[in-house]
Amino acid sequence: MDIKSKIVDSQGLNRILTRIAHEILERNKGSNNLVLMGMRTRGEFLAKKIFQKIKDIENIELPFGVLDVTLYRDDFRTRLKQPEVSVSNITFDINGKDIILIDDVLYTGRTVRSALNAIMDMGRPNSIQLFVLIDRGHRELPIRADYVGKNIPTSQNEEIKVKMEEFDGEDAIYLVNVKED
C-alpha cells in the first residue's frame, strides 16, 4: 500500500461516529423505528460502532443486521474473479422500518445500488437512509449519502483505505496511490 497520507486516526473516527449517531437520532426524532444494516465487510464494523453509540445515547439496542451484496453486484462475473460470498444476517422484519444502511466508502454508487436491490428483495421498508464514512466522489449512478463522515475528493489514481480495528488491527483512514499495471 503506497500511503499518501493518514486522514483520520482512531480518535478522529470515534468523533465522526459520535457525530453521525447524534445526526441519525436527530433526523429520525429518536430511535423508535430504526434498524441498522452494515454492509460487509467494513460497513459491518462501522454499524457495530454506531449501534454502540446509539445504545449509549438512547439506552436502547436497535435491531442490527449484516448485508452481503456480492451476488447483487453488476460486476459479479466480470470484476470478481473468485468472489467471497458470505451470508447476509438480517433476522428481523424490515417492513415499515427506517433502515440506516452503513458502508465505509461511497465511490461509483454501484455497491449501494446492489444493497438497495438486496433490501427490496427482503421487504418494503419505510425508508432507507445511507451513512458512509467517506464520500470520495466519482459517482456513476445518482446515489448520495444522507450522512457522511468526511468528503474526500480523490483523483482517479488515488483510493481511500479504511482500516477497522476488528478486521485490520487499527482504526484509521488512509489516502493511497493506486498502482498502475
N, C-alpha and C. Protein backbone atom coordinates (compact mmCIF):
# COMPACT_ATOMS: atom_id res chain seq x y z
N MET A 1 0.86 -1.18 0.00
CA MET A 1 0.00 0.00 0.00
C MET A 1 0.90 1.24 0.00
N ASP A 2 0.76 2.07 -1.03
CA ASP A 2 1.53 3.30 -1.16
C ASP A 2 0.76 4.43 -0.49
N ILE A 3 1.02 4.64 0.81
CA ILE A 3 0.27 5.62 1.60
C ILE A 3 0.69 7.03 1.25
N LYS A 4 -0.31 7.83 0.89
CA LYS A 4 -0.09 9.24 0.62
C LYS A 4 -0.23 10.05 1.90
N SER A 5 -1.29 9.75 2.67
CA SER A 5 -1.49 10.42 3.95
C SER A 5 -2.48 9.64 4.81
N LYS A 6 -2.31 9.80 6.12
CA LYS A 6 -3.28 9.27 7.07
C LYS A 6 -4.26 10.40 7.34
N ILE A 7 -5.52 10.16 6.96
CA ILE A 7 -6.52 11.21 7.02
C ILE A 7 -7.20 11.26 8.39
N VAL A 8 -7.48 10.09 8.96
CA VAL A 8 -8.18 10.00 10.23
C VAL A 8 -7.53 8.92 11.08
N ASP A 9 -7.33 9.21 12.37
CA ASP A 9 -6.84 8.20 13.30
C ASP A 9 -8.01 7.68 14.13
N SER A 10 -7.73 6.85 15.12
CA SER A 10 -8.81 6.23 15.90
C SER A 10 -9.64 7.27 16.67
N GLN A 11 -9.00 8.30 17.20
CA GLN A 11 -9.75 9.34 17.91
C GLN A 11 -10.65 10.11 16.94
N GLY A 12 -10.14 10.41 15.77
CA GLY A 12 -10.94 11.11 14.77
C GLY A 12 -12.12 10.28 14.33
N LEU A 13 -11.91 8.97 14.14
CA LEU A 13 -13.01 8.08 13.76
C LEU A 13 -14.07 8.05 14.85
N ASN A 14 -13.65 8.00 16.09
CA ASN A 14 -14.59 7.99 17.21
C ASN A 14 -15.43 9.27 17.22
N ARG A 15 -14.79 10.40 16.96
CA ARG A 15 -15.54 11.67 16.92
C ARG A 15 -16.54 11.68 15.77
N ILE A 16 -16.13 11.20 14.59
CA ILE A 16 -17.03 11.14 13.44
C ILE A 16 -18.25 10.28 13.77
N LEU A 17 -18.03 9.10 14.34
CA LEU A 17 -19.13 8.18 14.62
C LEU A 17 -20.06 8.73 15.71
N THR A 18 -19.52 9.44 16.69
CA THR A 18 -20.35 10.07 17.71
C THR A 18 -21.25 11.13 17.08
N ARG A 19 -20.67 11.94 16.19
CA ARG A 19 -21.45 12.98 15.49
C ARG A 19 -22.55 12.36 14.64
N ILE A 20 -22.20 11.32 13.89
CA ILE A 20 -23.18 10.69 13.00
C ILE A 20 -24.31 10.03 13.80
N ALA A 21 -23.98 9.39 14.91
CA ALA A 21 -25.02 8.77 15.75
C ALA A 21 -26.02 9.83 16.20
N HIS A 22 -25.52 10.99 16.60
CA HIS A 22 -26.42 12.08 17.01
C HIS A 22 -27.23 12.60 15.83
N GLU A 23 -26.62 12.73 14.66
CA GLU A 23 -27.35 13.18 13.48
C GLU A 23 -28.47 12.22 13.11
N ILE A 24 -28.19 10.92 13.18
CA ILE A 24 -29.21 9.91 12.87
C ILE A 24 -30.39 10.05 13.83
N LEU A 25 -30.10 10.17 15.11
CA LEU A 25 -31.16 10.28 16.11
C LEU A 25 -31.94 11.58 15.95
N GLU A 26 -31.24 12.67 15.64
CA GLU A 26 -31.91 13.95 15.46
C GLU A 26 -32.83 13.92 14.24
N ARG A 27 -32.33 13.43 13.14
CA ARG A 27 -33.12 13.39 11.90
C ARG A 27 -34.36 12.51 12.05
N ASN A 28 -34.24 11.42 12.80
CA ASN A 28 -35.33 10.46 12.95
C ASN A 28 -36.14 10.68 14.22
N LYS A 29 -35.87 11.78 14.90
CA LYS A 29 -36.58 12.12 16.14
C LYS A 29 -36.52 10.96 17.14
N GLY A 30 -35.32 10.43 17.33
CA GLY A 30 -35.10 9.32 18.25
C GLY A 30 -34.83 8.03 17.49
N SER A 31 -34.95 6.94 18.21
CA SER A 31 -34.57 5.64 17.66
C SER A 31 -35.76 4.70 17.46
N ASN A 32 -36.96 5.23 17.60
CA ASN A 32 -38.17 4.42 17.65
C ASN A 32 -38.34 3.39 16.54
N ASN A 33 -38.13 3.74 15.29
CA ASN A 33 -38.43 2.84 14.18
C ASN A 33 -37.18 2.42 13.40
N LEU A 34 -36.01 2.68 14.00
CA LEU A 34 -34.75 2.46 13.30
C LEU A 34 -34.25 1.02 13.37
N VAL A 35 -33.60 0.61 12.29
CA VAL A 35 -32.81 -0.63 12.27
C VAL A 35 -31.49 -0.29 11.57
N LEU A 36 -30.42 -0.96 11.98
CA LEU A 36 -29.10 -0.73 11.40
C LEU A 36 -28.70 -1.90 10.54
N MET A 37 -28.15 -1.61 9.36
CA MET A 37 -27.64 -2.64 8.46
C MET A 37 -26.25 -2.24 8.01
N GLY A 38 -25.26 -3.04 8.38
CA GLY A 38 -23.90 -2.80 7.93
C GLY A 38 -23.58 -3.65 6.72
N MET A 39 -22.93 -3.06 5.73
CA MET A 39 -22.55 -3.81 4.53
C MET A 39 -21.18 -4.44 4.76
N ARG A 40 -21.10 -5.74 4.43
CA ARG A 40 -19.83 -6.44 4.59
C ARG A 40 -18.76 -5.75 3.77
N THR A 41 -17.59 -5.59 4.20
CA THR A 41 -17.02 -6.07 5.44
C THR A 41 -16.90 -4.92 6.44
N ARG A 42 -16.29 -3.84 6.02
CA ARG A 42 -16.02 -2.77 6.98
C ARG A 42 -17.27 -2.00 7.40
N GLY A 43 -18.29 -1.99 6.56
CA GLY A 43 -19.55 -1.38 6.95
C GLY A 43 -20.18 -2.09 8.13
N GLU A 44 -19.94 -3.40 8.22
CA GLU A 44 -20.43 -4.19 9.36
C GLU A 44 -19.81 -3.68 10.67
N PHE A 45 -18.51 -3.43 10.66
CA PHE A 45 -17.83 -2.97 11.87
C PHE A 45 -18.20 -1.54 12.20
N LEU A 46 -18.39 -0.71 11.19
CA LEU A 46 -18.88 0.65 11.43
C LEU A 46 -20.27 0.62 12.03
N ALA A 47 -21.13 -0.25 11.51
CA ALA A 47 -22.50 -0.37 12.04
C ALA A 47 -22.50 -0.79 13.50
N LYS A 48 -21.59 -1.70 13.86
CA LYS A 48 -21.49 -2.13 15.26
C LYS A 48 -21.09 -0.96 16.15
N LYS A 49 -20.20 -0.12 15.65
CA LYS A 49 -19.78 1.05 16.43
C LYS A 49 -20.92 2.06 16.56
N ILE A 50 -21.68 2.28 15.49
CA ILE A 50 -22.85 3.17 15.54
C ILE A 50 -23.90 2.58 16.49
N PHE A 51 -24.11 1.26 16.40
CA PHE A 51 -25.03 0.56 17.30
C PHE A 51 -24.69 0.88 18.75
N GLN A 52 -23.41 0.78 19.10
CA GLN A 52 -22.98 1.03 20.49
C GLN A 52 -23.16 2.50 20.87
N LYS A 53 -22.88 3.41 19.95
CA LYS A 53 -23.05 4.84 20.23
C LYS A 53 -24.53 5.15 20.51
N ILE A 54 -25.41 4.62 19.67
CA ILE A 54 -26.85 4.87 19.87
C ILE A 54 -27.32 4.22 21.17
N LYS A 55 -26.80 3.05 21.47
CA LYS A 55 -27.15 2.38 22.73
C LYS A 55 -26.73 3.24 23.92
N ASP A 56 -25.54 3.82 23.84
CA ASP A 56 -25.05 4.68 24.93
C ASP A 56 -25.89 5.95 25.06
N ILE A 57 -26.33 6.51 23.95
CA ILE A 57 -27.09 7.75 23.96
C ILE A 57 -28.54 7.51 24.38
N GLU A 58 -29.20 6.52 23.78
CA GLU A 58 -30.64 6.30 23.96
C GLU A 58 -30.98 5.19 24.95
N ASN A 59 -29.97 4.43 25.36
CA ASN A 59 -30.18 3.28 26.26
C ASN A 59 -31.15 2.26 25.65
N ILE A 60 -30.93 1.99 24.34
CA ILE A 60 -31.75 1.03 23.62
C ILE A 60 -30.88 0.29 22.61
N GLU A 61 -31.19 -0.99 22.40
CA GLU A 61 -30.48 -1.77 21.40
C GLU A 61 -31.35 -1.88 20.15
N LEU A 62 -30.87 -1.28 19.09
CA LEU A 62 -31.60 -1.32 17.83
C LEU A 62 -31.42 -2.68 17.16
N PRO A 63 -32.40 -3.10 16.36
CA PRO A 63 -32.19 -4.28 15.53
C PRO A 63 -30.97 -4.03 14.63
N PHE A 64 -30.13 -5.05 14.51
CA PHE A 64 -28.85 -4.91 13.81
C PHE A 64 -28.68 -6.09 12.86
N GLY A 65 -28.30 -5.80 11.62
CA GLY A 65 -28.06 -6.86 10.66
C GLY A 65 -26.88 -6.57 9.77
N VAL A 66 -26.42 -7.61 9.09
CA VAL A 66 -25.28 -7.51 8.18
C VAL A 66 -25.75 -7.91 6.79
N LEU A 67 -25.41 -7.09 5.82
CA LEU A 67 -25.85 -7.29 4.45
C LEU A 67 -24.65 -7.60 3.56
N ASP A 68 -24.72 -8.73 2.85
CA ASP A 68 -23.71 -9.08 1.86
C ASP A 68 -24.35 -8.91 0.49
N VAL A 69 -23.77 -8.07 -0.36
CA VAL A 69 -24.37 -7.76 -1.66
C VAL A 69 -23.60 -8.38 -2.83
N THR A 70 -22.68 -9.27 -2.55
CA THR A 70 -21.83 -9.85 -3.60
C THR A 70 -22.63 -10.35 -4.78
N LEU A 71 -23.66 -11.11 -4.52
CA LEU A 71 -24.44 -11.70 -5.62
C LEU A 71 -25.33 -10.70 -6.33
N TYR A 72 -25.49 -9.51 -5.77
CA TYR A 72 -26.31 -8.47 -6.38
C TYR A 72 -25.49 -7.51 -7.23
N ARG A 73 -24.18 -7.62 -7.18
CA ARG A 73 -23.32 -6.68 -7.90
C ARG A 73 -23.44 -6.87 -9.41
N ASP A 74 -23.39 -5.76 -10.15
CA ASP A 74 -23.48 -5.85 -11.60
C ASP A 74 -22.16 -6.29 -12.23
N ASP A 75 -21.09 -6.31 -11.44
CA ASP A 75 -19.79 -6.77 -11.94
C ASP A 75 -19.42 -8.13 -11.34
N PHE A 76 -20.41 -8.82 -10.85
CA PHE A 76 -20.19 -10.10 -10.18
C PHE A 76 -19.37 -11.07 -11.02
N ARG A 77 -19.69 -11.20 -12.28
CA ARG A 77 -19.00 -12.17 -13.13
C ARG A 77 -17.75 -11.60 -13.81
N THR A 78 -17.69 -10.28 -13.99
CA THR A 78 -16.58 -9.71 -14.74
C THR A 78 -15.41 -9.27 -13.86
N ARG A 79 -15.69 -8.59 -12.77
CA ARG A 79 -14.62 -8.00 -11.97
C ARG A 79 -14.10 -8.95 -10.90
N LEU A 80 -14.99 -9.67 -10.28
CA LEU A 80 -14.61 -10.51 -9.16
C LEU A 80 -14.25 -11.90 -9.67
N LYS A 81 -12.97 -12.20 -9.67
CA LYS A 81 -12.52 -13.48 -10.22
C LYS A 81 -13.05 -14.66 -9.41
N GLN A 82 -12.78 -14.69 -8.15
CA GLN A 82 -13.29 -15.74 -7.26
C GLN A 82 -13.91 -15.02 -6.08
N PRO A 83 -15.16 -14.57 -6.23
CA PRO A 83 -15.75 -13.74 -5.18
C PRO A 83 -15.94 -14.50 -3.88
N GLU A 84 -15.71 -13.79 -2.80
CA GLU A 84 -16.01 -14.35 -1.49
C GLU A 84 -17.46 -14.02 -1.19
N VAL A 85 -18.27 -15.03 -1.19
CA VAL A 85 -19.69 -14.83 -0.91
C VAL A 85 -19.95 -15.29 0.51
N SER A 86 -20.50 -14.40 1.31
CA SER A 86 -20.91 -14.77 2.64
C SER A 86 -22.41 -14.53 2.73
N VAL A 87 -22.94 -14.75 3.87
CA VAL A 87 -24.39 -14.71 4.03
C VAL A 87 -24.80 -13.41 4.71
N SER A 88 -25.87 -12.83 4.22
CA SER A 88 -26.47 -11.71 4.94
C SER A 88 -27.08 -12.25 6.22
N ASN A 89 -27.08 -11.42 7.24
CA ASN A 89 -27.63 -11.83 8.53
C ASN A 89 -28.64 -10.77 8.97
N ILE A 90 -29.85 -10.89 8.45
CA ILE A 90 -30.94 -9.97 8.78
C ILE A 90 -32.02 -10.84 9.43
N THR A 91 -32.14 -10.73 10.73
CA THR A 91 -33.05 -11.63 11.47
C THR A 91 -34.31 -10.92 11.94
N PHE A 92 -34.62 -9.78 11.35
CA PHE A 92 -35.79 -9.01 11.78
C PHE A 92 -36.57 -8.60 10.54
N ASP A 93 -37.82 -8.27 10.75
CA ASP A 93 -38.70 -7.82 9.67
C ASP A 93 -38.36 -6.37 9.33
N ILE A 94 -38.10 -6.10 8.07
CA ILE A 94 -37.75 -4.73 7.66
C ILE A 94 -38.96 -3.94 7.18
N ASN A 95 -40.09 -4.59 7.01
CA ASN A 95 -41.29 -3.91 6.52
C ASN A 95 -41.68 -2.76 7.44
N GLY A 96 -41.82 -1.57 6.84
CA GLY A 96 -42.23 -0.40 7.61
C GLY A 96 -41.14 0.22 8.46
N LYS A 97 -39.93 -0.30 8.42
CA LYS A 97 -38.83 0.22 9.24
C LYS A 97 -38.05 1.29 8.51
N ASP A 98 -37.35 2.10 9.27
CA ASP A 98 -36.42 3.09 8.74
C ASP A 98 -35.02 2.48 8.86
N ILE A 99 -34.48 2.09 7.72
CA ILE A 99 -33.19 1.40 7.70
C ILE A 99 -32.06 2.42 7.57
N ILE A 100 -31.07 2.27 8.42
CA ILE A 100 -29.82 3.02 8.27
C ILE A 100 -28.83 2.04 7.67
N LEU A 101 -28.51 2.23 6.40
CA LEU A 101 -27.57 1.39 5.66
C LEU A 101 -26.19 2.01 5.82
N ILE A 102 -25.22 1.19 6.23
CA ILE A 102 -23.91 1.71 6.61
C ILE A 102 -22.81 1.05 5.78
N ASP A 103 -21.97 1.90 5.16
CA ASP A 103 -20.82 1.41 4.40
C ASP A 103 -19.63 2.32 4.65
N ASP A 104 -18.45 1.83 4.27
CA ASP A 104 -17.24 2.61 4.55
C ASP A 104 -16.99 3.71 3.52
N VAL A 105 -16.96 3.37 2.23
CA VAL A 105 -16.60 4.34 1.20
C VAL A 105 -17.67 4.36 0.10
N LEU A 106 -18.11 5.56 -0.26
CA LEU A 106 -19.01 5.74 -1.39
C LEU A 106 -18.17 6.24 -2.56
N TYR A 107 -18.21 5.49 -3.65
CA TYR A 107 -17.39 5.81 -4.83
C TYR A 107 -18.32 5.93 -6.03
N THR A 108 -18.50 4.87 -6.79
CA THR A 108 -19.33 4.94 -8.00
C THR A 108 -20.82 4.89 -7.70
N GLY A 109 -21.20 4.29 -6.58
CA GLY A 109 -22.60 4.12 -6.23
C GLY A 109 -23.13 2.73 -6.55
N ARG A 110 -22.34 1.93 -7.22
CA ARG A 110 -22.81 0.60 -7.65
C ARG A 110 -23.02 -0.37 -6.49
N THR A 111 -22.19 -0.30 -5.48
CA THR A 111 -22.37 -1.18 -4.33
C THR A 111 -23.65 -0.82 -3.59
N VAL A 112 -23.91 0.47 -3.45
CA VAL A 112 -25.14 0.92 -2.79
C VAL A 112 -26.35 0.48 -3.59
N ARG A 113 -26.29 0.60 -4.91
CA ARG A 113 -27.41 0.14 -5.74
C ARG A 113 -27.66 -1.34 -5.52
N SER A 114 -26.59 -2.12 -5.41
CA SER A 114 -26.73 -3.55 -5.13
C SER A 114 -27.40 -3.78 -3.78
N ALA A 115 -27.01 -2.98 -2.80
CA ALA A 115 -27.61 -3.11 -1.46
C ALA A 115 -29.09 -2.77 -1.49
N LEU A 116 -29.46 -1.74 -2.24
CA LEU A 116 -30.88 -1.37 -2.34
C LEU A 116 -31.68 -2.51 -2.95
N ASN A 117 -31.14 -3.14 -3.99
CA ASN A 117 -31.82 -4.29 -4.60
C ASN A 117 -31.98 -5.42 -3.59
N ALA A 118 -30.93 -5.71 -2.84
CA ALA A 118 -30.99 -6.79 -1.84
C ALA A 118 -32.04 -6.49 -0.78
N ILE A 119 -32.06 -5.26 -0.31
CA ILE A 119 -33.03 -4.87 0.73
C ILE A 119 -34.46 -4.99 0.20
N MET A 120 -34.69 -4.52 -1.01
CA MET A 120 -36.04 -4.58 -1.55
C MET A 120 -36.51 -6.01 -1.78
N ASP A 121 -35.58 -6.93 -1.97
CA ASP A 121 -35.95 -8.34 -2.07
C ASP A 121 -36.39 -8.91 -0.72
N MET A 122 -36.03 -8.23 0.37
CA MET A 122 -36.39 -8.69 1.72
C MET A 122 -37.71 -8.13 2.22
N GLY A 123 -38.18 -7.06 1.62
CA GLY A 123 -39.41 -6.45 2.10
C GLY A 123 -39.53 -5.01 1.65
N ARG A 124 -40.43 -4.30 2.31
CA ARG A 124 -40.69 -2.91 1.95
C ARG A 124 -40.50 -2.00 3.15
N PRO A 125 -39.29 -1.46 3.30
CA PRO A 125 -39.06 -0.55 4.43
C PRO A 125 -39.76 0.79 4.22
N ASN A 126 -39.95 1.51 5.31
CA ASN A 126 -40.50 2.86 5.26
C ASN A 126 -39.51 3.79 4.56
N SER A 127 -38.22 3.66 4.92
CA SER A 127 -37.18 4.47 4.28
C SER A 127 -35.85 3.75 4.41
N ILE A 128 -34.93 4.13 3.52
CA ILE A 128 -33.55 3.66 3.59
C ILE A 128 -32.68 4.90 3.57
N GLN A 129 -31.92 5.08 4.64
CA GLN A 129 -31.01 6.20 4.75
C GLN A 129 -29.59 5.64 4.71
N LEU A 130 -28.71 6.34 4.00
CA LEU A 130 -27.35 5.85 3.81
C LEU A 130 -26.34 6.65 4.61
N PHE A 131 -25.52 5.94 5.38
CA PHE A 131 -24.37 6.55 6.05
C PHE A 131 -23.11 5.95 5.45
N VAL A 132 -22.23 6.81 4.96
CA VAL A 132 -20.90 6.38 4.51
C VAL A 132 -19.87 7.15 5.31
N LEU A 133 -18.83 6.45 5.68
CA LEU A 133 -17.75 7.09 6.41
C LEU A 133 -17.03 8.10 5.52
N ILE A 134 -16.78 7.70 4.26
CA ILE A 134 -16.07 8.57 3.32
C ILE A 134 -16.84 8.63 2.00
N ASP A 135 -17.05 9.84 1.49
CA ASP A 135 -17.56 10.04 0.14
C ASP A 135 -16.40 10.58 -0.67
N ARG A 136 -15.92 9.77 -1.63
CA ARG A 136 -14.75 10.17 -2.41
C ARG A 136 -15.08 10.69 -3.81
N GLY A 137 -16.37 10.79 -4.14
CA GLY A 137 -16.76 11.32 -5.44
C GLY A 137 -16.71 10.27 -6.53
N HIS A 138 -16.74 10.70 -7.77
CA HIS A 138 -16.67 9.85 -8.97
C HIS A 138 -17.91 8.98 -9.17
N ARG A 139 -19.07 9.48 -8.86
CA ARG A 139 -20.31 8.73 -8.98
C ARG A 139 -20.61 8.35 -10.41
N GLU A 140 -21.07 7.12 -10.60
CA GLU A 140 -21.57 6.65 -11.90
C GLU A 140 -23.08 6.49 -11.88
N LEU A 141 -23.67 6.50 -10.71
CA LEU A 141 -25.12 6.38 -10.55
C LEU A 141 -25.60 7.52 -9.65
N PRO A 142 -26.86 7.91 -9.77
CA PRO A 142 -27.37 9.03 -8.97
C PRO A 142 -27.66 8.61 -7.52
N ILE A 143 -26.60 8.36 -6.79
CA ILE A 143 -26.70 7.91 -5.39
C ILE A 143 -25.99 8.96 -4.53
N ARG A 144 -26.61 9.33 -3.42
CA ARG A 144 -25.95 10.22 -2.47
C ARG A 144 -26.24 9.74 -1.06
N ALA A 145 -25.32 10.02 -0.18
CA ALA A 145 -25.46 9.60 1.22
C ALA A 145 -26.25 10.64 2.01
N ASP A 146 -27.03 10.15 2.98
CA ASP A 146 -27.75 11.03 3.89
C ASP A 146 -26.84 11.53 5.00
N TYR A 147 -25.87 10.71 5.37
CA TYR A 147 -24.92 11.03 6.43
C TYR A 147 -23.52 10.71 5.90
N VAL A 148 -22.62 11.67 6.00
CA VAL A 148 -21.25 11.49 5.51
C VAL A 148 -20.28 11.84 6.63
N GLY A 149 -19.38 10.91 6.91
CA GLY A 149 -18.35 11.19 7.91
C GLY A 149 -17.40 12.26 7.41
N LYS A 150 -16.85 12.07 6.22
CA LYS A 150 -15.95 13.03 5.60
C LYS A 150 -16.08 12.96 4.08
N ASN A 151 -16.03 14.10 3.44
CA ASN A 151 -15.92 14.18 1.98
C ASN A 151 -14.45 14.32 1.64
N ILE A 152 -13.93 13.36 0.89
CA ILE A 152 -12.53 13.39 0.50
C ILE A 152 -12.46 13.18 -1.01
N PRO A 153 -12.48 14.27 -1.79
CA PRO A 153 -12.37 14.12 -3.23
C PRO A 153 -11.03 13.47 -3.59
N THR A 154 -11.07 12.51 -4.49
CA THR A 154 -9.86 11.81 -4.89
C THR A 154 -9.67 11.92 -6.40
N SER A 155 -8.44 11.73 -6.82
CA SER A 155 -8.19 11.63 -8.26
C SER A 155 -8.39 10.16 -8.65
N GLN A 156 -8.35 9.89 -9.93
CA GLN A 156 -8.55 8.51 -10.40
C GLN A 156 -7.39 7.60 -9.99
N ASN A 157 -6.24 8.16 -9.67
CA ASN A 157 -5.10 7.31 -9.26
C ASN A 157 -4.93 7.27 -7.75
N GLU A 158 -5.99 7.63 -7.03
CA GLU A 158 -5.98 7.54 -5.56
C GLU A 158 -7.15 6.68 -5.09
N GLU A 159 -6.99 6.10 -3.92
CA GLU A 159 -8.05 5.34 -3.27
C GLU A 159 -8.08 5.70 -1.79
N ILE A 160 -9.20 5.38 -1.18
CA ILE A 160 -9.34 5.51 0.26
C ILE A 160 -9.29 4.11 0.84
N LYS A 161 -8.46 3.91 1.84
CA LYS A 161 -8.38 2.64 2.55
C LYS A 161 -8.85 2.87 3.98
N VAL A 162 -9.97 2.25 4.32
CA VAL A 162 -10.49 2.32 5.68
C VAL A 162 -10.00 1.08 6.41
N LYS A 163 -9.43 1.30 7.56
CA LYS A 163 -8.95 0.20 8.41
C LYS A 163 -9.82 0.16 9.66
N MET A 164 -10.28 -1.04 10.00
CA MET A 164 -11.08 -1.22 11.20
C MET A 164 -10.32 -2.13 12.17
N GLU A 165 -10.29 -1.75 13.42
CA GLU A 165 -9.57 -2.50 14.45
C GLU A 165 -9.91 -3.99 14.42
N GLU A 166 -11.19 -4.29 14.30
CA GLU A 166 -11.65 -5.68 14.37
C GLU A 166 -11.18 -6.52 13.19
N PHE A 167 -10.88 -5.89 12.08
CA PHE A 167 -10.52 -6.61 10.86
C PHE A 167 -9.07 -6.38 10.45
N ASP A 168 -8.59 -5.14 10.65
CA ASP A 168 -7.27 -4.75 10.16
C ASP A 168 -6.26 -4.46 11.27
N GLY A 169 -6.71 -4.46 12.52
CA GLY A 169 -5.79 -4.20 13.63
C GLY A 169 -5.65 -2.74 14.02
N GLU A 170 -6.32 -1.83 13.31
CA GLU A 170 -6.30 -0.41 13.68
C GLU A 170 -7.53 0.27 13.11
N ASP A 171 -7.93 1.35 13.76
CA ASP A 171 -8.98 2.22 13.24
C ASP A 171 -8.29 3.41 12.60
N ALA A 172 -8.39 3.54 11.28
CA ALA A 172 -7.74 4.64 10.57
C ALA A 172 -8.30 4.74 9.15
N ILE A 173 -8.08 5.90 8.55
CA ILE A 173 -8.44 6.11 7.15
C ILE A 173 -7.21 6.68 6.45
N TYR A 174 -6.84 6.04 5.34
CA TYR A 174 -5.67 6.45 4.58
C TYR A 174 -6.05 6.84 3.16
N LEU A 175 -5.33 7.81 2.62
CA LEU A 175 -5.37 8.12 1.20
C LEU A 175 -4.15 7.44 0.60
N VAL A 176 -4.37 6.61 -0.41
CA VAL A 176 -3.26 5.84 -1.00
C VAL A 176 -3.22 6.05 -2.51
N ASN A 177 -2.04 5.90 -3.06
CA ASN A 177 -1.87 5.91 -4.51
C ASN A 177 -2.18 4.53 -5.06
N VAL A 178 -2.86 4.49 -6.20
CA VAL A 178 -3.17 3.24 -6.86
C VAL A 178 -1.99 2.87 -7.75
N LYS A 179 -1.59 1.64 -7.66
CA LYS A 179 -0.51 1.18 -8.53
C LYS A 179 -1.10 0.86 -9.89
N GLU A 180 -0.51 1.44 -10.92
CA GLU A 180 -0.98 1.20 -12.28
C GLU A 180 -0.26 0.01 -12.86
N ASP A 181 -1.00 -0.85 -13.55
CA ASP A 181 -0.42 -2.06 -14.15
C ASP A 181 0.25 -1.78 -15.47
